[in-house]
Amino acid sequence: MRSDAVRKGMQQAPHRSLFNALGHTEEEMRKPLIGIVSSYNEIVPGHMNLDKIVEAVKLGVAMAGGTPVVFPAIAVCDGIAMGHIGMKYSLVTRDLIADSTECMAMAHQFDGLVMVPNCDKNVPGLLMAAARVNIPTVFVSGGPMLAGRVKGEKRSLSSMFEAVGSYAAGTMDENDVLEFENKVCPTCGSCSGMYTANSMNCLTEALGMGLQGNGTIPAVYSERIKLAKHAGMKVMELVEKDIKPRDIMTEKAFQNALTVDMALGCSTNSMLHLPAIANEAGVELNVDIANEISSRTPNLCHLAPAGYTYMEDLNEAGGVYAVMNELSKKNLLNLDIMTVTGKTVGENIANCVNKDPETIRPIDNPYSETGGIAVLKGNLAPDSGIVKQSAVVPEMLVHEGPARVFHCEEDAIAAIKGGKIVAGDVVVIRYEGPKGGPGMREMLNPTSAIAGMGLGSSVALITDGRFSGASRGASIGHVSPEAAVGGPIALVEEGDLIKINIKEKTLDFVVSDEELARRKAAWTPREPKVTTGYLARYATMVTSGDKGAVLKANK
């Protein structure tokens, strides 16, 4: 066993003395050593139940003949971090999580791992670590929150952010907002729409690294505890068979994940995380492939905020496997590849039928013939701009309007709530990228303000920051190259005509070659907004290429 390096032989006598200090018996010392990565904490609602999930995993490991050992991973609540300097720290934690988990797994020579994540950067960070360490690993998340109910309608966190915008617009009073505040997040779990956390938990299942239901079983269901026990048992089977993450996370598996991404209408953040995970697995995954896969993949789900169904509805409809079964009817998936179940994708999904054609559209009756995400390019975004096209109203798929330019999120929000943004405008928020921010903040506050002000079907937003899965409307993020390195978004001036054509996958601004050359010559770098601490070090690492997975799209 791999753990023999710390438990067997005369040279390991000092190591065994330390295991004695932990209370390990001789019987436990002879069994495979399984690390359980617990992301439990008391600040993230999606993580407050993970102590129970971890205990269930421990039982599963022990029942199957292993010795479970728990160690921690950090996690940030993006909702609580939103709208202030805390959001600069969110994306960067993904690499902290991957690095620290690698350190723990390698230092202690575990025979296998069970990852217990749930929220936004915690899931991809642990997937990156799993690919990097490459020992038998199973994922089991904490599960999604149940939807709240306000005035008889299901609601979620994005509704809360939009309620704040509605209050600013005068269409809600303080009591209305208070009702949302008290009802939209009724349980533990990752927020209940198809936001980044749930997107990544579903894609973990699609990648083959999680068991059936990993992405959709609600956090408060006892079925989630059963799933955790099975994950603990399953890792022992993977150890016995020596099935490792890189045996599962192959190029074909990432193609499957992107296909499911398009069908579900996942968060645009998946376009940051899937390439990063693939990079650790030794797979080249360029965002350009997204349009190719989108062109042949119908969008089957309109989960909140794109529609009015929630994760609990997707679970009842048959979950991720039912979506994959629909996709297989048009030969859109690689069915012959291995998963953590010990079976192939085809074997896993064979009998998983669609139980609710309103939540999961049948393959011959999709919401659209193309997938949920599009990559735009043009003279404003030579490398890429990402949009969740499934959450864009039809009248905004093609849009032209004058640029309203802001150098930070706060200034843009003040203008939106102050009534200075009008129908037809294109809000441009720049210097929020991974280098320029630094940290690449998520722009849920400004998109929610636009929606709350009643401008969601008439105002677009473009940024070199990123968007939450909770964002909707013509919100184009990850614009690259970013402003901090002199990308074209740095050269846009107030009033420039911006042309957005999501149907044709283009993003341009109207400026003559001569004028563009003048602006380039006049442009000077801005001073970084954070010059000390981890963010400054991180920005340096991104610039030097050490964190290439953090965005090839923003290199």
Protein backbone atom coordinates (compact mmCIF):
# COMPACT_ATOMS: atom_id res chain seq x y z
CA MET A 1 0.00 0.00 0.00
CA ARG A 2 1.04 3.59 -0.56
CA SER A 3 0.69 4.22 3.17
CA ASP A 4 3.41 1.65 3.89
CA ALA A 5 5.80 4.59 3.49
CA VAL A 6 4.54 5.94 6.84
CA ARG A 7 3.46 2.77 8.63
CA LYS A 8 5.68 -0.28 7.88
CA GLY A 9 9.31 -1.18 8.54
CA MET A 10 11.88 -0.33 11.20
CA GLN A 11 12.53 3.12 9.69
CA GLN A 12 8.87 3.91 10.22
CA ALA A 13 8.88 3.17 13.95
CA PRO A 14 8.86 6.93 14.75
CA HIS A 15 5.92 7.35 12.37
CA ARG A 16 4.03 4.54 14.12
CA SER A 17 4.61 6.19 17.47
CA LEU A 18 2.78 9.24 16.16
CA PHE A 19 -0.08 7.07 14.92
CA ASN A 20 -0.18 5.64 18.46
CA ALA A 21 -0.55 9.21 19.70
CA LEU A 22 -3.61 9.44 17.43
CA GLY A 23 -5.08 6.37 19.09
CA HIS A 24 -4.78 4.09 16.07
CA THR A 25 -4.99 0.38 16.85
CA GLU A 26 -2.90 -2.34 15.28
CA GLU A 27 -5.97 -3.40 13.32
CA GLU A 28 -6.38 0.10 11.87
CA MET A 29 -2.68 0.22 11.01
CA ARG A 30 -3.10 -2.79 8.72
CA LYS A 31 -5.95 -1.26 6.70
CA PRO A 32 -5.77 1.23 3.80
CA LEU A 33 -5.40 4.79 5.06
CA ILE A 34 -8.15 6.96 3.55
CA GLY A 35 -7.97 10.74 3.80
CA ILE A 36 -11.33 12.49 4.04
CA VAL A 37 -11.06 16.12 2.99
CA SER A 38 -13.63 17.98 5.07
CA SER A 39 -14.65 21.44 3.90
CA TYR A 40 -16.89 21.92 6.94
CA ASN A 41 -17.09 25.38 8.46
CA GLU A 42 -19.63 27.59 10.22
CA ILE A 43 -19.63 30.58 7.85
CA VAL A 44 -20.74 29.01 4.55
CA PRO A 45 -24.39 27.81 4.49
CA GLY A 46 -23.42 25.17 1.93
CA HIS A 47 -20.83 23.80 4.34
CA MET A 48 -22.54 23.91 7.72
CA ASN A 49 -23.87 20.36 7.21
CA LEU A 50 -20.62 18.83 5.99
CA ASP A 51 -19.72 17.51 9.44
CA LYS A 52 -22.63 15.06 9.07
CA ILE A 53 -21.54 14.14 5.54
CA VAL A 54 -17.99 13.52 6.77
CA GLU A 55 -19.20 11.27 9.61
CA ALA A 56 -21.23 9.26 7.09
CA VAL A 57 -18.19 8.92 4.81
CA LYS A 58 -16.11 7.73 7.77
CA LEU A 59 -18.71 5.04 8.48
CA GLY A 60 -18.68 3.96 4.85
CA VAL A 61 -14.89 3.71 4.76
CA ALA A 62 -14.79 1.75 8.02
CA MET A 63 -17.58 -0.60 6.92
CA ALA A 64 -15.63 -1.39 3.75
CA GLY A 65 -12.40 -2.12 5.62
CA GLY A 66 -10.50 1.16 5.58
CA THR A 67 -9.09 3.52 8.20
CA PRO A 68 -10.64 6.99 7.74
CA VAL A 69 -8.67 10.11 8.68
CA VAL A 70 -10.17 13.59 8.36
CA PHE A 71 -8.29 16.76 7.42
CA PRO A 72 -9.65 20.20 6.43
CA ALA A 73 -10.01 22.38 3.36
CA ILE A 74 -11.08 26.03 3.38
CA ALA A 75 -14.09 27.47 1.58
CA VAL A 76 -15.46 30.97 0.99
CA CYS A 77 -19.14 31.89 0.74
CA ASP A 78 -19.33 33.95 -2.45
CA GLY A 79 -22.63 35.49 -1.37
CA ILE A 80 -21.15 36.85 1.86
CA ALA A 81 -17.95 37.88 0.08
CA MET A 82 -19.91 39.74 -2.63
CA GLY A 83 -19.71 43.48 -3.16
CA HIS A 84 -16.60 44.33 -1.12
CA ILE A 85 -12.89 43.49 -1.01
CA GLY A 86 -13.74 39.94 0.09
CA MET A 87 -14.78 39.03 -3.45
CA LYS A 88 -11.19 39.62 -4.59
CA TYR A 89 -10.25 36.62 -2.43
CA SER A 90 -12.85 34.17 -3.72
CA LEU A 91 -11.37 32.87 -6.97
CA VAL A 92 -7.84 32.77 -5.59
CA THR A 93 -8.90 30.30 -2.89
CA ARG A 94 -9.31 27.67 -5.60
CA ASP A 95 -5.54 27.39 -5.90
CA LEU A 96 -5.02 27.59 -2.14
CA ILE A 97 -7.40 24.65 -1.75
CA ALA A 98 -5.69 22.62 -4.47
CA ASP A 99 -2.21 23.37 -3.13
CA SER A 100 -2.98 22.68 0.54
CA THR A 101 -4.84 19.45 -0.23
CA GLU A 102 -1.93 18.26 -2.37
CA CYS A 103 0.42 19.03 0.52
CA MET A 104 -1.65 17.03 3.01
CA ALA A 105 -2.17 14.06 0.68
CA MET A 106 1.49 13.79 -0.28
CA ALA A 107 2.91 14.44 3.17
CA HIS A 108 0.85 11.69 4.79
CA GLN A 109 0.81 9.14 1.94
CA PHE A 110 -2.89 8.28 1.97
CA ASP A 111 -4.00 5.26 -0.05
CA GLY A 112 -7.18 7.00 -1.19
CA LEU A 113 -9.20 10.17 -0.71
CA VAL A 114 -12.84 11.16 -0.33
CA MET A 115 -13.38 14.82 -1.11
CA VAL A 116 -16.30 16.52 0.69
CA PRO A 117 -16.80 19.94 -0.94
CA ASN A 118 -19.86 21.98 -1.82
CA CYS A 119 -19.48 25.62 -2.79
CA ASP A 120 -18.00 27.60 -5.61
CA LYS A 121 -14.17 27.40 -5.60
CA ASN A 122 -14.00 24.52 -3.15
CA VAL A 123 -15.27 21.97 -5.70
CA PRO A 124 -12.89 22.82 -8.58
CA GLY A 125 -10.00 23.29 -6.14
CA LEU A 126 -10.45 19.76 -4.83
CA LEU A 127 -10.92 18.36 -8.34
CA MET A 128 -7.62 20.01 -9.29
CA ALA A 129 -5.98 18.42 -6.25
CA ALA A 130 -7.44 15.01 -7.10
CA ALA A 131 -6.03 15.16 -10.62
CA ARG A 132 -2.66 16.37 -9.36
CA VAL A 133 -2.21 13.80 -6.56
CA ASN A 134 -3.80 11.02 -8.65
CA ILE A 135 -4.67 8.44 -6.03
CA PRO A 136 -8.09 6.70 -5.88
CA THR A 137 -10.62 9.42 -5.07
CA VAL A 138 -14.40 9.84 -4.79
CA PHE A 139 -16.33 13.10 -4.41
CA VAL A 140 -19.47 13.59 -2.36
CA SER A 141 -20.78 17.13 -2.02
CA GLY A 142 -22.98 18.62 0.70
CA GLY A 143 -25.91 19.12 -1.67
CA PRO A 144 -28.11 22.04 -2.74
CA MET A 145 -30.34 24.16 -0.55
CA LEU A 146 -34.08 23.87 -0.93
CA ALA A 147 -35.69 26.81 -2.73
CA GLY A 148 -37.38 29.43 -0.61
CA ARG A 149 -40.97 30.55 -1.08
CA VAL A 150 -42.13 34.16 -1.23
CA LYS A 151 -45.80 34.87 -1.87
CA GLY A 152 -46.32 31.32 -3.07
CA GLU A 153 -43.45 31.32 -5.59
CA LYS A 154 -40.12 29.50 -5.35
CA ARG A 155 -37.20 31.86 -4.90
CA SER A 156 -33.43 31.73 -4.41
CA LEU A 157 -30.46 33.96 -3.61
CA SER A 158 -30.47 35.69 -7.00
CA SER A 159 -34.03 36.82 -6.22
CA MET A 160 -32.65 38.44 -3.06
CA PHE A 161 -30.01 40.43 -4.92
CA GLU A 162 -32.61 41.54 -7.46
CA ALA A 163 -34.96 42.57 -4.65
CA VAL A 164 -32.33 45.06 -3.49
CA GLY A 165 -32.32 46.52 -7.01
CA SER A 166 -36.11 46.67 -7.02
CA TYR A 167 -36.01 48.57 -3.73
CA ALA A 168 -33.63 51.09 -5.32
CA ALA A 169 -36.05 51.40 -8.25
CA GLY A 170 -38.97 52.03 -5.87
CA THR A 171 -40.91 48.93 -6.91
CA MET A 172 -40.40 47.22 -3.52
CA ASP A 173 -40.60 48.65 -0.03
CA GLU A 174 -38.50 47.68 2.98
CA ASN A 175 -41.03 45.10 4.17
CA ASP A 176 -41.00 43.38 0.78
CA VAL A 177 -37.20 43.12 0.91
CA LEU A 178 -37.37 41.83 4.49
CA GLU A 179 -39.71 39.02 3.43
CA PHE A 180 -37.23 37.97 0.74
CA GLU A 181 -34.40 38.26 3.26
CA ASN A 182 -36.12 35.87 5.66
CA LYS A 183 -37.34 33.32 3.13
CA VAL A 184 -35.07 32.88 0.09
CA CYS A 185 -32.41 30.78 1.87
CA PRO A 186 -34.45 28.43 4.09
CA THR A 187 -31.98 25.55 4.69
CA CYS A 188 -28.34 24.60 4.67
CA GLY A 189 -26.84 23.74 1.29
CA SER A 190 -25.44 25.40 -1.81
CA CYS A 191 -27.81 28.10 -3.12
CA SER A 192 -30.73 26.49 -4.92
CA GLY A 193 -30.37 27.65 -8.53
CA MET A 194 -27.94 26.55 -11.25
CA TYR A 195 -25.23 28.75 -9.84
CA THR A 196 -21.52 27.93 -9.76
CA ALA A 197 -21.58 25.55 -6.79
CA ASN A 198 -24.39 23.40 -8.16
CA SER A 199 -22.95 23.63 -11.67
CA MET A 200 -19.63 22.21 -10.49
CA ASN A 201 -21.25 19.52 -8.33
CA CYS A 202 -23.32 18.39 -11.34
CA LEU A 203 -20.25 18.48 -13.59
CA THR A 204 -18.34 16.39 -11.03
CA GLU A 205 -21.01 13.75 -11.62
CA ALA A 206 -20.75 14.20 -15.40
CA LEU A 207 -16.95 13.89 -15.24
CA GLY A 208 -17.38 10.55 -13.52
CA MET A 209 -15.86 11.63 -10.19
CA GLY A 210 -19.08 11.60 -8.12
CA LEU A 211 -21.81 9.02 -7.57
CA GLN A 212 -25.33 9.38 -8.95
CA GLY A 213 -27.14 12.25 -7.22
CA ASN A 214 -23.96 14.04 -6.15
CA GLY A 215 -25.07 17.24 -7.86
CA THR A 216 -28.77 17.24 -7.09
CA ILE A 217 -29.85 15.43 -3.89
CA PRO A 218 -30.87 18.28 -1.53
CA ALA A 219 -28.63 18.90 1.47
CA VAL A 220 -31.44 18.24 3.94
CA TYR A 221 -32.47 14.86 2.52
CA SER A 222 -31.40 11.73 4.39
CA GLU A 223 -30.59 10.31 0.96
CA ARG A 224 -27.55 12.59 1.02
CA ILE A 225 -26.26 10.76 4.12
CA LYS A 226 -26.72 7.43 2.34
CA LEU A 227 -24.80 8.80 -0.65
CA ALA A 228 -21.93 9.77 1.65
CA LYS A 229 -21.77 6.27 3.15
CA HIS A 230 -21.69 4.78 -0.34
CA ALA A 231 -18.89 7.17 -1.31
CA GLY A 232 -16.88 5.91 1.65
CA MET A 233 -17.47 2.32 0.57
CA LYS A 234 -16.75 3.07 -3.07
CA VAL A 235 -13.31 4.56 -2.45
CA MET A 236 -12.25 1.22 -0.97
CA GLU A 237 -13.27 -0.49 -4.20
CA LEU A 238 -11.25 2.04 -6.19
CA VAL A 239 -8.22 1.43 -3.98
CA GLU A 240 -8.54 -2.31 -4.51
CA LYS A 241 -8.86 -1.91 -8.28
CA ASP A 242 -6.30 0.95 -8.41
CA ILE A 243 -8.63 3.23 -10.38
CA LYS A 244 -7.24 6.76 -10.20
CA PRO A 245 -8.61 10.21 -11.13
CA ARG A 246 -6.57 10.45 -14.33
CA ASP A 247 -8.04 7.11 -15.43
CA ILE A 248 -11.43 8.81 -15.17
CA MET A 249 -10.77 12.49 -16.01
CA THR A 250 -9.70 11.90 -19.60
CA GLU A 251 -10.18 14.10 -22.63
CA LYS A 252 -13.41 12.24 -23.41
CA ALA A 253 -14.65 12.84 -19.86
CA PHE A 254 -14.09 16.59 -20.19
CA GLN A 255 -15.95 16.55 -23.51
CA ASN A 256 -18.83 14.90 -21.66
CA ALA A 257 -18.69 17.51 -18.92
CA LEU A 258 -18.82 20.38 -21.43
CA THR A 259 -21.74 18.71 -23.20
CA VAL A 260 -23.68 18.33 -19.94
CA ASP A 261 -22.71 21.91 -19.08
CA MET A 262 -24.40 23.11 -22.27
CA ALA A 263 -27.51 21.00 -21.70
CA LEU A 264 -27.95 22.13 -18.09
CA GLY A 265 -27.15 25.81 -18.71
CA CYS A 266 -24.41 25.92 -16.08
CA SER A 267 -22.58 28.92 -14.68
CA THR A 268 -20.12 30.75 -16.93
CA ASN A 269 -17.57 30.09 -14.18
CA SER A 270 -17.40 26.53 -15.49
CA MET A 271 -15.38 28.02 -18.35
CA LEU A 272 -12.77 29.00 -15.76
CA HIS A 273 -12.82 25.81 -13.77
CA LEU A 274 -13.03 23.00 -16.34
CA PRO A 275 -9.84 24.14 -18.16
CA ALA A 276 -8.06 24.46 -14.81
CA ILE A 277 -9.05 20.94 -13.73
CA ALA A 278 -8.17 19.55 -17.16
CA ASN A 279 -4.77 21.24 -16.97
CA GLU A 280 -4.01 19.32 -13.76
CA ALA A 281 -5.16 16.08 -15.42
CA GLY A 282 -2.80 16.64 -18.36
CA VAL A 283 -5.65 17.42 -20.76
CA GLU A 284 -5.62 20.49 -23.01
CA LEU A 285 -9.05 22.13 -22.84
CA ASN A 286 -9.34 25.39 -24.76
CA VAL A 287 -12.46 27.51 -24.24
CA ASP A 288 -12.82 27.68 -28.02
CA ILE A 289 -14.16 24.13 -27.97
CA ALA A 290 -17.19 25.41 -26.06
CA ASN A 291 -18.83 26.86 -29.18
CA GLU A 292 -18.20 23.68 -31.11
CA ILE A 293 -19.85 21.56 -28.42
CA SER A 294 -22.61 24.13 -27.92
CA SER A 295 -23.44 24.10 -31.63
CA ARG A 296 -24.44 20.43 -31.45
CA THR A 297 -25.81 20.28 -27.89
CA PRO A 298 -29.39 21.33 -27.17
CA ASN A 299 -30.17 23.24 -23.99
CA LEU A 300 -32.56 21.03 -22.01
CA CYS A 301 -32.85 22.85 -18.66
CA HIS A 302 -33.77 26.37 -17.59
CA LEU A 303 -32.99 26.23 -13.90
CA ALA A 304 -33.05 29.46 -11.88
CA PRO A 305 -32.06 32.15 -12.68
CA ALA A 306 -32.70 31.26 -16.35
CA GLY A 307 -36.13 29.83 -15.48
CA TYR A 308 -38.41 28.84 -12.62
CA THR A 309 -37.18 25.37 -11.73
CA TYR A 310 -34.65 24.61 -9.01
CA MET A 311 -32.16 21.92 -8.03
CA GLU A 312 -34.78 19.99 -6.05
CA ASP A 313 -36.88 19.84 -9.24
CA LEU A 314 -33.93 18.56 -11.26
CA ASN A 315 -33.36 15.89 -8.63
CA GLU A 316 -36.99 14.73 -8.79
CA ALA A 317 -36.83 14.70 -12.60
CA GLY A 318 -33.99 12.17 -12.53
CA GLY A 319 -30.95 14.37 -11.99
CA VAL A 320 -27.78 14.61 -14.04
CA TYR A 321 -27.98 11.01 -15.23
CA ALA A 322 -31.43 11.63 -16.72
CA VAL A 323 -30.05 14.64 -18.61
CA MET A 324 -27.17 12.48 -19.84
CA ASN A 325 -29.60 9.78 -20.92
CA GLU A 326 -31.44 12.34 -23.06
CA LEU A 327 -28.15 13.49 -24.59
CA SER A 328 -27.16 9.90 -25.38
CA LYS A 329 -30.22 9.60 -27.64
CA LYS A 330 -28.37 11.78 -30.16
CA ASN A 331 -24.97 10.18 -29.52
CA LEU A 332 -23.65 13.32 -27.87
CA LEU A 333 -21.70 11.58 -25.10
CA ASN A 334 -18.74 9.24 -24.80
CA LEU A 335 -20.40 6.24 -23.15
CA ASP A 336 -17.49 3.81 -22.93
CA ILE A 337 -15.33 5.63 -20.36
CA MET A 338 -14.74 4.69 -16.72
CA THR A 339 -16.28 6.43 -13.69
CA VAL A 340 -15.91 6.14 -9.91
CA THR A 341 -18.85 3.76 -9.86
CA GLY A 342 -16.55 1.18 -11.43
CA LYS A 343 -18.88 1.17 -14.42
CA THR A 344 -18.88 3.08 -17.69
CA VAL A 345 -20.95 6.19 -18.37
CA GLY A 346 -23.24 4.13 -20.59
CA GLU A 347 -23.85 1.56 -17.86
CA ASN A 348 -24.52 4.29 -15.28
CA ILE A 349 -27.19 6.13 -17.27
CA ALA A 350 -28.85 3.21 -19.08
CA ASN A 351 -32.01 3.12 -16.97
CA CYS A 352 -32.19 6.75 -15.83
CA VAL A 353 -35.32 8.11 -17.46
CA ASN A 354 -36.58 11.68 -17.58
CA LYS A 355 -39.43 11.86 -15.07
CA ASP A 356 -40.41 15.50 -15.70
CA PRO A 357 -40.28 16.88 -19.26
CA GLU A 358 -40.96 20.37 -17.92
CA THR A 359 -37.77 20.40 -15.85
CA ILE A 360 -35.66 18.37 -18.30
CA ARG A 361 -36.85 18.96 -21.84
CA PRO A 362 -36.77 15.85 -24.05
CA ILE A 363 -33.95 15.86 -26.59
CA ASP A 364 -36.39 16.45 -29.45
CA ASN A 365 -38.06 19.41 -27.70
CA PRO A 366 -35.22 21.52 -26.22
CA TYR A 367 -35.32 25.12 -25.07
CA SER A 368 -32.85 25.79 -27.86
CA GLU A 369 -30.88 23.73 -30.35
CA THR A 370 -27.62 25.15 -28.99
CA GLY A 371 -26.10 24.98 -25.52
CA GLY A 372 -26.29 27.28 -22.52
CA ILE A 373 -22.90 29.01 -22.85
CA ALA A 374 -21.31 30.91 -25.73
CA VAL A 375 -17.80 32.25 -26.28
CA LEU A 376 -17.77 35.59 -28.10
CA LYS A 377 -14.85 37.11 -29.99
CA GLY A 378 -14.21 40.37 -31.80
CA ASN A 379 -12.13 43.53 -31.62
CA LEU A 380 -13.31 44.07 -28.03
CA ALA A 381 -12.53 40.48 -27.01
CA PRO A 382 -9.78 39.06 -29.25
CA ASP A 383 -9.32 36.03 -26.99
CA SER A 384 -12.76 35.51 -25.47
CA GLY A 385 -15.85 36.83 -23.74
CA ILE A 386 -18.19 34.36 -22.00
CA VAL A 387 -21.97 34.64 -21.78
CA LYS A 388 -24.66 32.36 -20.35
CA GLN A 389 -26.82 32.62 -23.45
CA SER A 390 -29.59 30.44 -22.01
CA ALA A 391 -30.28 33.23 -19.48
CA VAL A 392 -30.44 36.02 -22.10
CA VAL A 393 -33.86 37.23 -23.22
CA PRO A 394 -34.38 36.93 -27.01
CA GLU A 395 -34.41 40.67 -27.61
CA MET A 396 -30.90 41.01 -26.15
CA LEU A 397 -29.23 38.30 -28.22
CA VAL A 398 -28.35 41.09 -30.65
CA HIS A 399 -27.78 44.49 -29.10
CA GLU A 400 -26.07 47.78 -29.94
CA GLY A 401 -25.63 50.66 -27.56
CA PRO A 402 -23.34 53.35 -26.19
CA ALA A 403 -20.64 52.34 -23.72
CA ARG A 404 -20.95 53.56 -20.13
CA VAL A 405 -17.45 53.01 -18.77
CA PHE A 406 -16.46 52.33 -15.15
CA HIS A 407 -13.14 51.37 -13.58
CA CYS A 408 -14.66 49.32 -10.75
CA GLU A 409 -17.84 47.54 -9.76
CA GLU A 410 -18.79 50.03 -7.02
CA ASP A 411 -18.93 53.01 -9.41
CA ALA A 412 -21.09 51.06 -11.85
CA ILE A 413 -23.57 50.02 -9.14
CA ALA A 414 -23.87 53.61 -7.92
CA ALA A 415 -24.66 54.77 -11.47
CA ILE A 416 -27.20 51.98 -12.02
CA LYS A 417 -29.03 52.61 -8.73
CA GLY A 418 -28.76 56.36 -9.25
CA GLY A 419 -30.77 56.12 -12.46
CA LYS A 420 -27.86 57.15 -14.67
CA ILE A 421 -28.04 53.99 -16.80
CA VAL A 422 -30.90 53.91 -19.31
CA ALA A 423 -32.37 51.43 -21.76
CA GLY A 424 -29.95 50.68 -24.60
CA ASP A 425 -26.77 51.35 -22.63
CA VAL A 426 -23.86 48.92 -22.44
CA VAL A 427 -22.20 49.05 -19.02
CA VAL A 428 -18.45 48.35 -19.24
CA ILE A 429 -16.67 47.46 -15.98
CA ARG A 430 -12.92 47.02 -16.36
CA TYR A 431 -9.76 46.57 -14.30
CA GLU A 432 -11.52 43.76 -12.43
CA GLY A 433 -9.57 40.90 -14.07
CA PRO A 434 -7.29 38.35 -12.38
CA LYS A 435 -4.25 40.61 -12.67
CA GLY A 436 -5.94 44.00 -12.65
CA GLY A 437 -8.41 43.41 -9.83
CA PRO A 438 -6.56 41.52 -8.70
CA GLY A 439 -8.68 38.46 -7.99
CA MET A 440 -11.32 38.75 -10.74
CA ARG A 441 -14.41 39.69 -8.76
CA GLU A 442 -17.82 38.25 -9.59
CA MET A 443 -20.34 40.79 -10.91
CA LEU A 444 -23.62 39.57 -9.40
CA ASN A 445 -24.30 42.90 -7.70
CA PRO A 446 -24.34 45.03 -10.88
CA THR A 447 -26.31 42.48 -12.93
CA SER A 448 -28.82 42.16 -10.10
CA ALA A 449 -29.07 45.94 -9.86
CA ILE A 450 -29.79 46.11 -13.61
CA ALA A 451 -32.49 43.44 -13.30
CA GLY A 452 -33.94 45.02 -10.17
CA MET A 453 -34.17 48.40 -11.91
CA GLY A 454 -36.23 46.78 -14.66
CA LEU A 455 -33.46 47.07 -17.25
CA GLY A 456 -32.64 43.37 -17.68
CA SER A 457 -34.12 43.24 -21.17
CA SER A 458 -32.57 46.49 -22.41
CA VAL A 459 -29.11 46.99 -20.83
CA ALA A 460 -26.01 44.84 -21.39
CA LEU A 461 -22.95 44.51 -19.17
CA ILE A 462 -19.39 43.67 -20.25
CA THR A 463 -16.47 43.11 -17.91
CA ASP A 464 -12.99 41.61 -17.62
CA GLY A 465 -14.21 40.34 -14.25
CA ARG A 466 -16.52 37.35 -14.14
CA PHE A 467 -20.17 36.53 -13.65
CA SER A 468 -21.95 34.31 -11.21
CA GLY A 469 -24.19 31.49 -12.33
CA ALA A 470 -26.83 33.62 -10.62
CA SER A 471 -26.41 36.39 -13.21
CA ARG A 472 -28.84 36.67 -16.07
CA GLY A 473 -29.30 38.93 -19.07
CA ALA A 474 -26.73 40.02 -21.64
CA SER A 475 -23.87 39.77 -19.16
CA ILE A 476 -20.55 39.08 -20.88
CA GLY A 477 -17.62 38.35 -18.60
CA HIS A 478 -14.05 37.05 -18.72
CA VAL A 479 -13.35 39.54 -21.53
CA SER A 480 -9.77 38.88 -22.58
CA PRO A 481 -7.14 40.25 -22.81
CA GLU A 482 -8.09 42.16 -19.68
CA ALA A 483 -7.66 45.89 -19.20
CA ALA A 484 -4.67 45.56 -16.87
CA VAL A 485 -2.50 44.28 -19.73
CA GLY A 486 -3.78 46.80 -22.24
CA GLY A 487 -6.52 44.67 -23.77
CA PRO A 488 -9.04 46.46 -26.00
CA ILE A 489 -11.50 46.77 -23.10
CA ALA A 490 -9.01 49.26 -21.62
CA LEU A 491 -9.34 51.41 -24.74
CA VAL A 492 -13.14 51.76 -24.81
CA GLU A 493 -14.27 55.35 -24.22
CA GLU A 494 -17.55 56.72 -22.94
CA GLY A 495 -20.14 56.71 -25.71
CA ASP A 496 -18.38 54.28 -28.06
CA LEU A 497 -20.88 52.10 -29.89
CA ILE A 498 -20.73 48.51 -28.63
CA LYS A 499 -22.06 45.73 -30.86
CA ILE A 500 -23.08 42.44 -29.25
CA ASN A 501 -24.25 39.54 -31.41
CA ILE A 502 -24.61 36.40 -29.32
CA LYS A 503 -26.18 34.57 -32.25
CA GLU A 504 -23.05 35.16 -34.34
CA LYS A 505 -20.68 34.91 -31.33
CA THR A 506 -19.22 38.41 -31.83
CA LEU A 507 -18.34 41.30 -29.51
CA ASP A 508 -17.04 44.53 -31.06
CA PHE A 509 -16.83 48.27 -30.55
CA VAL A 510 -16.92 50.79 -33.36
CA VAL A 511 -13.61 52.63 -33.66
CA SER A 512 -11.42 53.42 -36.63
CA ASP A 513 -8.00 51.83 -37.00
CA GLU A 514 -6.38 55.24 -36.69
CA GLU A 515 -8.25 56.09 -33.52
CA LEU A 516 -7.56 52.68 -32.01
CA ALA A 517 -3.84 53.13 -32.70
CA ARG A 518 -3.95 56.54 -31.01
CA ARG A 519 -5.61 55.10 -27.92
CA LYS A 520 -3.12 52.26 -27.73
CA ALA A 521 -0.23 54.69 -27.87
CA ALA A 522 -1.78 56.85 -25.14
CA TRP A 523 -2.69 53.99 -22.78
CA THR A 524 -0.64 53.59 -19.61
CA PRO A 525 -0.94 50.81 -17.01
CA ARG A 526 -2.92 51.62 -13.88
CA GLU A 527 -1.48 51.07 -10.44
CA PRO A 528 -2.65 47.72 -8.99
CA LYS A 529 -5.49 48.06 -6.50
CA VAL A 530 -3.89 45.69 -3.99
CA THR A 531 -0.12 45.89 -3.48
CA THR A 532 0.45 43.73 -0.39
CA GLY A 533 -0.57 40.35 1.01
CA TYR A 534 -1.70 37.19 -0.72
CA LEU A 535 -3.65 38.95 -3.50
CA ALA A 536 -0.54 40.83 -4.60
CA ARG A 537 1.51 37.62 -4.58
CA TYR A 538 -1.25 35.86 -6.48
CA ALA A 539 -1.41 38.57 -9.14
CA THR A 540 2.35 38.17 -9.59
CA MET A 541 1.96 34.41 -9.98
CA VAL A 542 -0.78 34.87 -12.58
CA THR A 543 1.36 37.35 -14.50
CA SER A 544 4.36 35.02 -14.44
CA GLY A 545 2.29 32.09 -15.66
CA ASP A 546 2.65 30.01 -12.48
CA LYS A 547 -1.13 29.88 -12.23
CA GLY A 548 -1.78 29.16 -15.90
CA ALA A 549 -4.99 27.37 -15.03
CA VAL A 550 -6.34 30.63 -13.60
CA LEU A 551 -6.97 31.85 -16.82
CA LYS A 552 -5.54 30.90 -20.07
CA ALA A 553 -8.33 33.17 -21.26
CA ASN A 554 -6.60 36.08 -19.52
CA LYS A 555 -2.98 35.30 -20.23
